[in-house]
Amino acid sequence: MKIRPLHDRVVVRRKEEEEKTAGGIVLPGAAKEKPNQGEVVAVGEGKQLDNGDVRALGVKVGDTVVFGRYADSNTLKVDGEELIIMSESDIYGVLEG
């Protein structure tokens, strides 16, 4: 099954959670902090402006993005994979290089 987000929505696959801290301490599942980075897997057509024009999104499929810690309130499962659907404005930036 595929998902096609509408308007200015973006579907993101969250990066894997860290198993260890920088000091090498192994974290149990409940103590792990959810990463705030992920890969864009689908994008909508763009935001419709008041004059009827559609502004294209600033992200594309394959981009690695940074988003807020609480953006996962809109999670869904597609083919057993947990994805996050969010508005483009919930994305803080695109990691490059």
C-alpha atoms as a PDB file:
ATOM      1  CA  MET A   1       0.000   0.000   0.000  1.00  0.00           C
ATOM      2  CA  LYS A   2       1.182   3.540  -0.754  1.00  0.00           C
ATOM      3  CA  ILE A   3       0.202   6.817   0.841  1.00  0.00           C
ATOM      4  CA  ARG A   4      -0.198  10.084  -1.053  1.00  0.00           C
ATOM      5  CA  PRO A   5      -0.319  13.067   1.297  1.00  0.00           C
ATOM      6  CA  LEU A   6      -2.547  15.994   0.413  1.00  0.00           C
ATOM      7  CA  HIS A   7      -1.645  19.681   0.022  1.00  0.00           C
ATOM      8  CA  ASP A   8       1.413  20.652   2.126  1.00  0.00           C
ATOM      9  CA  ARG A   9       1.654  17.379   4.059  1.00  0.00           C
ATOM     10  CA  VAL A  10       4.836  15.288   4.187  1.00  0.00           C
ATOM     11  CA  VAL A  11       5.280  11.618   5.170  1.00  0.00           C
ATOM     12  CA  VAL A  12       8.504  10.879   7.070  1.00  0.00           C
ATOM     13  CA  ARG A  13      10.194   7.636   8.179  1.00  0.00           C
ATOM     14  CA  ARG A  14      11.881   8.327  11.527  1.00  0.00           C
ATOM     15  CA  LYS A  15      15.568   7.428  11.919  1.00  0.00           C
ATOM     16  CA  GLU A  16      16.352   4.460  14.150  1.00  0.00           C
ATOM     17  CA  GLU A  17      16.532   5.121  17.878  1.00  0.00           C
ATOM     18  CA  GLU A  18      19.961   5.251  19.514  1.00  0.00           C
ATOM     19  CA  GLU A  19      20.854   2.160  21.550  1.00  0.00           C
ATOM     20  CA  LYS A  20      23.790   3.723  23.440  1.00  0.00           C
ATOM     21  CA  THR A  21      24.697   7.131  24.813  1.00  0.00           C
ATOM     22  CA  ALA A  22      27.871   8.920  23.711  1.00  0.00           C
ATOM     23  CA  GLY A  23      29.549   7.516  26.854  1.00  0.00           C
ATOM     24  CA  GLY A  24      28.659   3.945  25.854  1.00  0.00           C
ATOM     25  CA  ILE A  25      25.763   3.326  28.258  1.00  0.00           C
ATOM     26  CA  VAL A  26      23.163   0.948  26.794  1.00  0.00           C
ATOM     27  CA  LEU A  27      19.660   2.393  27.097  1.00  0.00           C
ATOM     28  CA  PRO A  28      16.571   0.309  27.799  1.00  0.00           C
ATOM     29  CA  GLY A  29      13.584   0.835  25.459  1.00  0.00           C
ATOM     30  CA  ALA A  30      11.699   3.231  27.754  1.00  0.00           C
ATOM     31  CA  ALA A  31      14.731   5.485  28.268  1.00  0.00           C
ATOM     32  CA  LYS A  32      15.493   5.922  24.579  1.00  0.00           C
ATOM     33  CA  GLU A  33      14.830   9.355  23.186  1.00  0.00           C
ATOM     34  CA  LYS A  34      12.980   9.338  19.884  1.00  0.00           C
ATOM     35  CA  PRO A  35      15.113  10.865  17.141  1.00  0.00           C
ATOM     36  CA  ASN A  36      13.886  14.086  15.590  1.00  0.00           C
ATOM     37  CA  GLN A  37      15.288  13.245  12.161  1.00  0.00           C
ATOM     38  CA  GLY A  38      13.900  11.170   9.344  1.00  0.00           C
ATOM     39  CA  GLU A  39      13.709  10.508   5.633  1.00  0.00           C
ATOM     40  CA  VAL A  40      10.931  11.976   3.498  1.00  0.00           C
ATOM     41  CA  VAL A  41       9.046   9.137   1.782  1.00  0.00           C
ATOM     42  CA  ALA A  42       6.152  11.081   0.189  1.00  0.00           C
ATOM     43  CA  VAL A  43       5.118  14.716  -0.332  1.00  0.00           C
ATOM     44  CA  GLY A  44       1.871  16.454  -1.277  1.00  0.00           C
ATOM     45  CA  GLU A  45       1.413  18.674  -4.309  1.00  0.00           C
ATOM     46  CA  GLY A  46       1.934  21.910  -2.393  1.00  0.00           C
ATOM     47  CA  LYS A  47       0.176  24.599  -0.414  1.00  0.00           C
ATOM     48  CA  GLN A  48      -2.720  26.357  -2.094  1.00  0.00           C
ATOM     49  CA  LEU A  49      -2.369  30.129  -1.776  1.00  0.00           C
ATOM     50  CA  ASP A  50      -5.233  32.607  -1.389  1.00  0.00           C
ATOM     51  CA  ASN A  51      -4.982  33.594  -5.067  1.00  0.00           C
ATOM     52  CA  GLY A  52      -5.428  29.960  -6.170  1.00  0.00           C
ATOM     53  CA  ASP A  53      -1.799  29.284  -7.083  1.00  0.00           C
ATOM     54  CA  VAL A  54      -0.057  26.246  -5.618  1.00  0.00           C
ATOM     55  CA  ARG A  55       3.329  26.772  -3.964  1.00  0.00           C
ATOM     56  CA  ALA A  56       5.565  23.713  -4.338  1.00  0.00           C
ATOM     57  CA  LEU A  57       7.061  22.208  -1.184  1.00  0.00           C
ATOM     58  CA  GLY A  58      10.654  22.880  -0.173  1.00  0.00           C
ATOM     59  CA  VAL A  59      11.359  19.198   0.534  1.00  0.00           C
ATOM     60  CA  LYS A  60      11.404  16.194  -1.777  1.00  0.00           C
ATOM     61  CA  VAL A  61      11.350  12.419  -1.433  1.00  0.00           C
ATOM     62  CA  GLY A  62      14.708  11.180  -0.122  1.00  0.00           C
ATOM     63  CA  ASP A  63      15.585  14.332   1.867  1.00  0.00           C
ATOM     64  CA  THR A  64      16.733  13.870   5.467  1.00  0.00           C
ATOM     65  CA  VAL A  65      14.819  16.361   7.588  1.00  0.00           C
ATOM     66  CA  VAL A  66      14.826  17.640  11.166  1.00  0.00           C
ATOM     67  CA  PHE A  67      11.473  18.121  12.898  1.00  0.00           C
ATOM     68  CA  GLY A  68      10.093  18.876  16.348  1.00  0.00           C
ATOM     69  CA  ARG A  69      10.078  16.256  19.085  1.00  0.00           C
ATOM     70  CA  TYR A  70       6.284  16.230  19.272  1.00  0.00           C
ATOM     71  CA  ALA A  71       5.615  15.904  15.540  1.00  0.00           C
ATOM     72  CA  ASP A  72       4.829  12.211  15.974  1.00  0.00           C
ATOM     73  CA  SER A  73       1.268  12.835  17.142  1.00  0.00           C
ATOM     74  CA  ASN A  74       0.131  11.883  13.620  1.00  0.00           C
ATOM     75  CA  THR A  75       1.704   8.451  13.221  1.00  0.00           C
ATOM     76  CA  LEU A  76       0.336   5.722  10.998  1.00  0.00           C
ATOM     77  CA  LYS A  77       1.324   2.194  10.017  1.00  0.00           C
ATOM     78  CA  VAL A  78       1.714   1.338   6.350  1.00  0.00           C
ATOM     79  CA  ASP A  79       2.711  -2.260   5.563  1.00  0.00           C
ATOM     80  CA  GLY A  80       3.902  -2.691   9.172  1.00  0.00           C
ATOM     81  CA  GLU A  81       6.156   0.378   9.031  1.00  0.00           C
ATOM     82  CA  GLU A  82       5.499   3.320  11.351  1.00  0.00           C
ATOM     83  CA  LEU A  83       5.444   6.630   9.494  1.00  0.00           C
ATOM     84  CA  ILE A  84       4.762  10.212  10.570  1.00  0.00           C
ATOM     85  CA  ILE A  85       2.536  12.527   8.540  1.00  0.00           C
ATOM     86  CA  MET A  86       3.104  16.225   9.214  1.00  0.00           C
ATOM     87  CA  SER A  87       2.651  19.620   7.694  1.00  0.00           C
ATOM     88  CA  GLU A  88       5.679  21.080   5.910  1.00  0.00           C
ATOM     89  CA  SER A  89       5.723  23.851   8.535  1.00  0.00           C
ATOM     90  CA  ASP A  90       6.526  21.211  11.215  1.00  0.00           C
ATOM     91  CA  ILE A  91       9.866  20.571   9.478  1.00  0.00           C
ATOM     92  CA  TYR A  92      12.716  22.756  10.770  1.00  0.00           C
ATOM     93  CA  GLY A  93      15.248  22.035   8.038  1.00  0.00           C
ATOM     94  CA  VAL A  94      16.882  19.659   5.556  1.00  0.00           C
ATOM     95  CA  LEU A  95      20.234  18.044   6.363  1.00  0.00           C
ATOM     96  CA  GLU A  96      22.661  18.332   3.468  1.00  0.00           C
ATOM     97  CA  GLY A  97      26.060  16.861   2.763  1.00  0.00           C
END
